[in-house]
Amino acid sequence: MPNVEFNARAFYLALDGARAAKDLNWKQVAEKSGVSASTLTRLSQGKRPDVDSMAALVSWSGLSADEFVTGGRGQRPEALSQITSLLSADARLTTESRDAMIGMVTAAYQRMAKVDIKK
């Protein structure tokens, strides 16, 4: 069986993105998600959440816990396709804003990842 691990650091960074998008501070995240502030502090230090805290944070943020599991057998979707999908589904963006952001992210990804992405 492959070595399967939970990437707590990536989960924390994704939570931080959700926090920033909702314009909240960490104390507010604790209140709204129902987890303790100390749990969020431990996450910021790279520690793993307990299963109940994980469930509460996934529910609050809308993130998928699967995205932070590494070493499994499943095929992970390409990062650029995930980002594009998320931007396309964001109701807060106008069509023009969405297309501009997708264009910028695609260009940056192509340059940084040094891959040939076909349209």
N, C-alpha and C. Protein backbone atom coordinates (compact mmCIF):
# COMPACT_ATOMS: atom_id res chain seq x y z
N MET A 1 0.85 -1.19 0.00
CA MET A 1 0.00 0.00 0.00
C MET A 1 0.90 1.24 0.00
N PRO A 2 0.57 2.22 -0.85
CA PRO A 2 1.40 3.43 -0.91
C PRO A 2 1.30 4.24 0.38
N ASN A 3 2.33 5.02 0.63
CA ASN A 3 2.37 5.88 1.81
C ASN A 3 1.43 7.07 1.58
N VAL A 4 0.32 7.10 2.26
CA VAL A 4 -0.69 8.15 2.10
C VAL A 4 -0.55 9.12 3.27
N GLU A 5 -0.50 10.41 2.94
CA GLU A 5 -0.34 11.43 3.98
C GLU A 5 -1.28 12.59 3.73
N PHE A 6 -1.59 13.29 4.80
CA PHE A 6 -2.39 14.51 4.73
C PHE A 6 -1.43 15.70 4.76
N ASN A 7 -1.53 16.60 3.78
CA ASN A 7 -0.66 17.77 3.69
C ASN A 7 -1.30 18.91 4.48
N ALA A 8 -0.98 18.98 5.76
CA ALA A 8 -1.57 19.98 6.65
C ALA A 8 -1.18 21.40 6.25
N ARG A 9 0.04 21.57 5.77
CA ARG A 9 0.50 22.91 5.36
C ARG A 9 -0.32 23.44 4.18
N ALA A 10 -0.53 22.59 3.18
CA ALA A 10 -1.34 23.00 2.03
C ALA A 10 -2.77 23.29 2.45
N PHE A 11 -3.30 22.48 3.37
CA PHE A 11 -4.66 22.70 3.87
C PHE A 11 -4.75 24.06 4.56
N TYR A 12 -3.77 24.38 5.39
CA TYR A 12 -3.77 25.66 6.08
C TYR A 12 -3.71 26.82 5.08
N LEU A 13 -2.87 26.70 4.06
CA LEU A 13 -2.75 27.77 3.06
C LEU A 13 -4.07 27.94 2.30
N ALA A 14 -4.74 26.84 2.00
CA ALA A 14 -6.04 26.93 1.34
C ALA A 14 -7.07 27.58 2.26
N LEU A 15 -7.04 27.22 3.55
CA LEU A 15 -7.94 27.87 4.51
C LEU A 15 -7.66 29.37 4.58
N ASP A 16 -6.39 29.72 4.54
CA ASP A 16 -6.02 31.13 4.57
C ASP A 16 -6.59 31.86 3.36
N GLY A 17 -6.58 31.19 2.21
CA GLY A 17 -7.19 31.77 1.02
C GLY A 17 -8.69 31.97 1.19
N ALA A 18 -9.35 30.97 1.77
CA ALA A 18 -10.79 31.08 2.03
C ALA A 18 -11.06 32.20 3.03
N ARG A 19 -10.22 32.30 4.05
CA ARG A 19 -10.36 33.35 5.06
C ARG A 19 -10.24 34.73 4.41
N ALA A 20 -9.22 34.89 3.57
CA ALA A 20 -8.99 36.18 2.92
C ALA A 20 -10.12 36.52 1.96
N ALA A 21 -10.60 35.52 1.21
CA ALA A 21 -11.69 35.76 0.27
C ALA A 21 -12.96 36.20 0.98
N LYS A 22 -13.15 35.73 2.20
CA LYS A 22 -14.34 36.09 2.98
C LYS A 22 -14.09 37.32 3.86
N ASP A 23 -12.87 37.87 3.76
CA ASP A 23 -12.49 39.07 4.51
C ASP A 23 -12.70 38.88 6.01
N LEU A 24 -12.17 37.77 6.53
CA LEU A 24 -12.29 37.45 7.95
C LEU A 24 -10.91 37.38 8.59
N ASN A 25 -10.86 37.57 9.89
CA ASN A 25 -9.62 37.30 10.62
C ASN A 25 -9.73 35.88 11.18
N TRP A 26 -8.64 35.37 11.73
CA TRP A 26 -8.64 33.98 12.21
C TRP A 26 -9.59 33.75 13.38
N LYS A 27 -9.78 34.76 14.20
CA LYS A 27 -10.73 34.63 15.31
C LYS A 27 -12.14 34.42 14.77
N GLN A 28 -12.48 35.17 13.71
CA GLN A 28 -13.79 35.02 13.09
C GLN A 28 -13.93 33.65 12.43
N VAL A 29 -12.85 33.15 11.84
CA VAL A 29 -12.88 31.81 11.24
C VAL A 29 -13.20 30.78 12.32
N ALA A 30 -12.54 30.92 13.47
CA ALA A 30 -12.79 29.99 14.58
C ALA A 30 -14.26 30.03 14.98
N GLU A 31 -14.80 31.22 15.12
CA GLU A 31 -16.21 31.36 15.52
C GLU A 31 -17.16 30.79 14.48
N LYS A 32 -16.94 31.12 13.22
CA LYS A 32 -17.86 30.70 12.16
C LYS A 32 -17.75 29.21 11.83
N SER A 33 -16.55 28.64 11.99
CA SER A 33 -16.36 27.23 11.65
C SER A 33 -16.66 26.31 12.83
N GLY A 34 -16.61 26.88 14.04
CA GLY A 34 -16.85 26.07 15.23
C GLY A 34 -15.63 25.34 15.76
N VAL A 35 -14.46 25.73 15.29
CA VAL A 35 -13.23 25.13 15.83
C VAL A 35 -12.56 26.13 16.76
N SER A 36 -11.70 25.65 17.61
CA SER A 36 -11.03 26.54 18.55
C SER A 36 -9.91 27.32 17.86
N ALA A 37 -9.62 28.48 18.40
CA ALA A 37 -8.52 29.28 17.89
C ALA A 37 -7.20 28.52 18.02
N SER A 38 -7.08 27.72 19.08
CA SER A 38 -5.84 26.95 19.25
C SER A 38 -5.68 25.90 18.16
N THR A 39 -6.77 25.36 17.65
CA THR A 39 -6.69 24.43 16.53
C THR A 39 -6.13 25.14 15.30
N LEU A 40 -6.59 26.34 15.05
CA LEU A 40 -6.08 27.11 13.91
C LEU A 40 -4.61 27.47 14.10
N THR A 41 -4.23 27.76 15.32
CA THR A 41 -2.82 28.05 15.60
C THR A 41 -1.96 26.81 15.33
N ARG A 42 -2.44 25.66 15.77
CA ARG A 42 -1.70 24.41 15.52
C ARG A 42 -1.58 24.14 14.03
N LEU A 43 -2.65 24.40 13.29
CA LEU A 43 -2.59 24.23 11.83
C LEU A 43 -1.54 25.15 11.22
N SER A 44 -1.47 26.38 11.71
CA SER A 44 -0.48 27.34 11.17
C SER A 44 0.95 26.87 11.44
N GLN A 45 1.11 25.99 12.42
CA GLN A 45 2.43 25.43 12.76
C GLN A 45 2.69 24.11 12.05
N GLY A 46 1.79 23.73 11.13
CA GLY A 46 1.99 22.51 10.36
C GLY A 46 1.44 21.25 10.99
N LYS A 47 0.71 21.39 12.09
CA LYS A 47 0.14 20.22 12.75
C LYS A 47 -1.17 19.83 12.08
N ARG A 48 -1.54 18.58 12.19
CA ARG A 48 -2.76 18.08 11.57
C ARG A 48 -3.95 18.30 12.50
N PRO A 49 -5.11 18.61 11.91
CA PRO A 49 -6.31 18.78 12.74
C PRO A 49 -6.88 17.42 13.12
N ASP A 50 -7.65 17.39 14.21
CA ASP A 50 -8.37 16.16 14.54
C ASP A 50 -9.52 16.04 13.54
N VAL A 51 -10.12 14.88 13.48
CA VAL A 51 -11.12 14.61 12.45
C VAL A 51 -12.35 15.51 12.56
N ASP A 52 -12.79 15.85 13.75
CA ASP A 52 -13.95 16.74 13.90
C ASP A 52 -13.63 18.16 13.44
N SER A 53 -12.43 18.63 13.79
CA SER A 53 -12.02 19.97 13.35
C SER A 53 -11.86 20.00 11.83
N MET A 54 -11.30 18.93 11.28
CA MET A 54 -11.14 18.83 9.84
C MET A 54 -12.51 18.91 9.15
N ALA A 55 -13.46 18.16 9.65
CA ALA A 55 -14.80 18.16 9.07
C ALA A 55 -15.42 19.56 9.15
N ALA A 56 -15.27 20.22 10.28
CA ALA A 56 -15.83 21.56 10.45
C ALA A 56 -15.18 22.56 9.50
N LEU A 57 -13.87 22.48 9.35
CA LEU A 57 -13.16 23.42 8.48
C LEU A 57 -13.46 23.16 7.01
N VAL A 58 -13.56 21.90 6.63
CA VAL A 58 -13.91 21.57 5.25
C VAL A 58 -15.32 22.07 4.95
N SER A 59 -16.24 21.88 5.88
CA SER A 59 -17.60 22.34 5.70
C SER A 59 -17.66 23.86 5.60
N TRP A 60 -16.96 24.55 6.48
CA TRP A 60 -16.95 26.01 6.48
C TRP A 60 -16.34 26.57 5.20
N SER A 61 -15.23 26.00 4.77
CA SER A 61 -14.48 26.57 3.65
C SER A 61 -14.97 26.12 2.28
N GLY A 62 -15.65 24.98 2.23
CA GLY A 62 -16.05 24.44 0.94
C GLY A 62 -14.94 23.68 0.24
N LEU A 63 -13.82 23.50 0.94
CA LEU A 63 -12.70 22.75 0.37
C LEU A 63 -12.99 21.25 0.41
N SER A 64 -12.27 20.51 -0.39
CA SER A 64 -12.37 19.06 -0.38
C SER A 64 -11.15 18.49 0.31
N ALA A 65 -11.35 17.67 1.31
CA ALA A 65 -10.23 17.07 2.03
C ALA A 65 -9.37 16.23 1.09
N ASP A 66 -9.96 15.66 0.06
CA ASP A 66 -9.22 14.83 -0.90
C ASP A 66 -8.06 15.59 -1.55
N GLU A 67 -8.23 16.89 -1.70
CA GLU A 67 -7.20 17.69 -2.35
C GLU A 67 -5.88 17.73 -1.57
N PHE A 68 -5.93 17.35 -0.31
CA PHE A 68 -4.76 17.48 0.55
C PHE A 68 -4.17 16.13 0.97
N VAL A 69 -4.66 15.08 0.34
CA VAL A 69 -4.15 13.74 0.59
C VAL A 69 -3.16 13.41 -0.52
N THR A 70 -1.95 13.06 -0.14
CA THR A 70 -0.92 12.75 -1.12
C THR A 70 -0.51 11.28 -1.01
N GLY A 71 -0.04 10.74 -2.10
CA GLY A 71 0.47 9.38 -2.09
C GLY A 71 -0.56 8.31 -2.35
N GLY A 72 -1.79 8.71 -2.62
CA GLY A 72 -2.83 7.73 -2.90
C GLY A 72 -2.74 7.20 -4.31
N ARG A 73 -3.62 6.33 -4.66
CA ARG A 73 -3.61 5.70 -5.98
C ARG A 73 -4.33 6.52 -7.03
N GLY A 74 -5.21 7.41 -6.61
CA GLY A 74 -6.03 8.15 -7.57
C GLY A 74 -5.24 9.15 -8.39
N GLN A 75 -5.73 9.40 -9.58
CA GLN A 75 -5.15 10.39 -10.47
C GLN A 75 -5.64 11.77 -10.07
N ARG A 76 -4.75 12.69 -9.82
CA ARG A 76 -5.13 14.05 -9.43
C ARG A 76 -5.34 14.89 -10.68
N PRO A 77 -6.37 15.74 -10.69
CA PRO A 77 -6.58 16.62 -11.83
C PRO A 77 -5.42 17.62 -11.95
N GLU A 78 -5.20 18.09 -13.14
CA GLU A 78 -4.17 19.11 -13.36
C GLU A 78 -4.52 20.38 -12.58
N ALA A 79 -3.50 21.01 -12.03
CA ALA A 79 -3.71 22.22 -11.23
C ALA A 79 -4.38 23.32 -12.05
N LEU A 80 -3.92 23.53 -13.27
CA LEU A 80 -4.49 24.60 -14.07
C LEU A 80 -5.97 24.37 -14.37
N SER A 81 -6.35 23.12 -14.59
CA SER A 81 -7.78 22.85 -14.85
C SER A 81 -8.60 23.09 -13.60
N GLN A 82 -8.06 22.80 -12.44
CA GLN A 82 -8.78 23.07 -11.19
C GLN A 82 -8.95 24.56 -10.97
N ILE A 83 -7.88 25.31 -11.18
CA ILE A 83 -7.93 26.77 -10.99
C ILE A 83 -8.93 27.39 -11.96
N THR A 84 -8.88 26.97 -13.22
CA THR A 84 -9.79 27.49 -14.23
C THR A 84 -11.23 27.18 -13.87
N SER A 85 -11.46 25.97 -13.41
CA SER A 85 -12.81 25.56 -13.02
C SER A 85 -13.32 26.41 -11.86
N LEU A 86 -12.47 26.64 -10.88
CA LEU A 86 -12.87 27.45 -9.73
C LEU A 86 -13.18 28.89 -10.13
N LEU A 87 -12.32 29.47 -10.96
CA LEU A 87 -12.56 30.84 -11.40
C LEU A 87 -13.84 30.93 -12.23
N SER A 88 -14.08 29.94 -13.08
CA SER A 88 -15.29 29.94 -13.91
C SER A 88 -16.55 29.86 -13.08
N ALA A 89 -16.48 29.19 -11.95
CA ALA A 89 -17.67 29.00 -11.11
C ALA A 89 -17.87 30.13 -10.09
N ASP A 90 -16.94 31.06 -10.00
CA ASP A 90 -17.02 32.12 -8.99
C ASP A 90 -18.02 33.19 -9.43
N ALA A 91 -19.16 33.23 -8.77
CA ALA A 91 -20.22 34.18 -9.12
C ALA A 91 -19.85 35.62 -8.84
N ARG A 92 -18.78 35.84 -8.07
CA ARG A 92 -18.38 37.21 -7.75
C ARG A 92 -17.62 37.87 -8.90
N LEU A 93 -17.21 37.08 -9.90
CA LEU A 93 -16.44 37.62 -11.01
C LEU A 93 -17.33 37.88 -12.22
N THR A 94 -17.09 39.00 -12.88
CA THR A 94 -17.76 39.24 -14.15
C THR A 94 -17.11 38.35 -15.20
N THR A 95 -17.75 38.21 -16.32
CA THR A 95 -17.18 37.41 -17.41
C THR A 95 -15.81 37.96 -17.82
N GLU A 96 -15.72 39.27 -17.92
CA GLU A 96 -14.46 39.89 -18.31
C GLU A 96 -13.36 39.66 -17.26
N SER A 97 -13.73 39.81 -15.99
CA SER A 97 -12.77 39.58 -14.91
C SER A 97 -12.31 38.14 -14.89
N ARG A 98 -13.26 37.23 -15.03
CA ARG A 98 -12.93 35.80 -15.03
C ARG A 98 -11.97 35.47 -16.16
N ASP A 99 -12.30 35.95 -17.37
CA ASP A 99 -11.45 35.65 -18.53
C ASP A 99 -10.06 36.25 -18.36
N ALA A 100 -9.99 37.45 -17.80
CA ALA A 100 -8.69 38.08 -17.58
C ALA A 100 -7.86 37.30 -16.56
N MET A 101 -8.50 36.88 -15.47
CA MET A 101 -7.78 36.11 -14.45
C MET A 101 -7.32 34.77 -15.00
N ILE A 102 -8.17 34.10 -15.76
CA ILE A 102 -7.79 32.82 -16.34
C ILE A 102 -6.61 33.02 -17.30
N GLY A 103 -6.66 34.08 -18.07
CA GLY A 103 -5.55 34.39 -18.98
C GLY A 103 -4.24 34.63 -18.24
N MET A 104 -4.32 35.39 -17.15
CA MET A 104 -3.11 35.67 -16.37
C MET A 104 -2.56 34.41 -15.70
N VAL A 105 -3.44 33.63 -15.11
CA VAL A 105 -3.00 32.41 -14.43
C VAL A 105 -2.41 31.43 -15.43
N THR A 106 -3.06 31.29 -16.59
CA THR A 106 -2.56 30.37 -17.62
C THR A 106 -1.18 30.80 -18.10
N ALA A 107 -1.02 32.10 -18.37
CA ALA A 107 0.28 32.59 -18.83
C ALA A 107 1.35 32.37 -17.77
N ALA A 108 1.04 32.67 -16.53
CA ALA A 108 2.02 32.48 -15.45
C ALA A 108 2.34 31.00 -15.28
N TYR A 109 1.33 30.16 -15.35
CA TYR A 109 1.54 28.72 -15.19
C TYR A 109 2.42 28.18 -16.31
N GLN A 110 2.13 28.58 -17.53
CA GLN A 110 2.94 28.12 -18.66
C GLN A 110 4.40 28.54 -18.50
N ARG A 111 4.60 29.74 -18.05
CA ARG A 111 5.98 30.23 -17.89
C ARG A 111 6.69 29.55 -16.73
N MET A 112 6.00 29.43 -15.58
CA MET A 112 6.63 28.88 -14.38
C MET A 112 6.79 27.37 -14.45
N ALA A 113 5.80 26.69 -14.98
CA ALA A 113 5.84 25.24 -15.03
C ALA A 113 6.61 24.73 -16.24
N LYS A 114 6.82 25.61 -17.19
CA LYS A 114 7.53 25.27 -18.42
C LYS A 114 6.92 24.06 -19.10
N VAL A 115 5.60 24.15 -19.30
CA VAL A 115 4.88 23.09 -20.00
C VAL A 115 4.15 23.69 -21.17
N ASP A 116 3.85 22.88 -22.14
CA ASP A 116 3.09 23.31 -23.30
C ASP A 116 1.63 22.97 -23.07
N ILE A 117 0.82 23.98 -22.78
CA ILE A 117 -0.59 23.78 -22.52
C ILE A 117 -1.35 24.08 -23.80
N LYS A 118 -2.04 23.10 -24.32
CA LYS A 118 -2.77 23.27 -25.56
C LYS A 118 -4.20 23.72 -25.26
N LYS A 119 -4.68 24.63 -26.08
CA LYS A 119 -6.05 25.14 -25.90
C LYS A 119 -7.04 24.27 -26.59
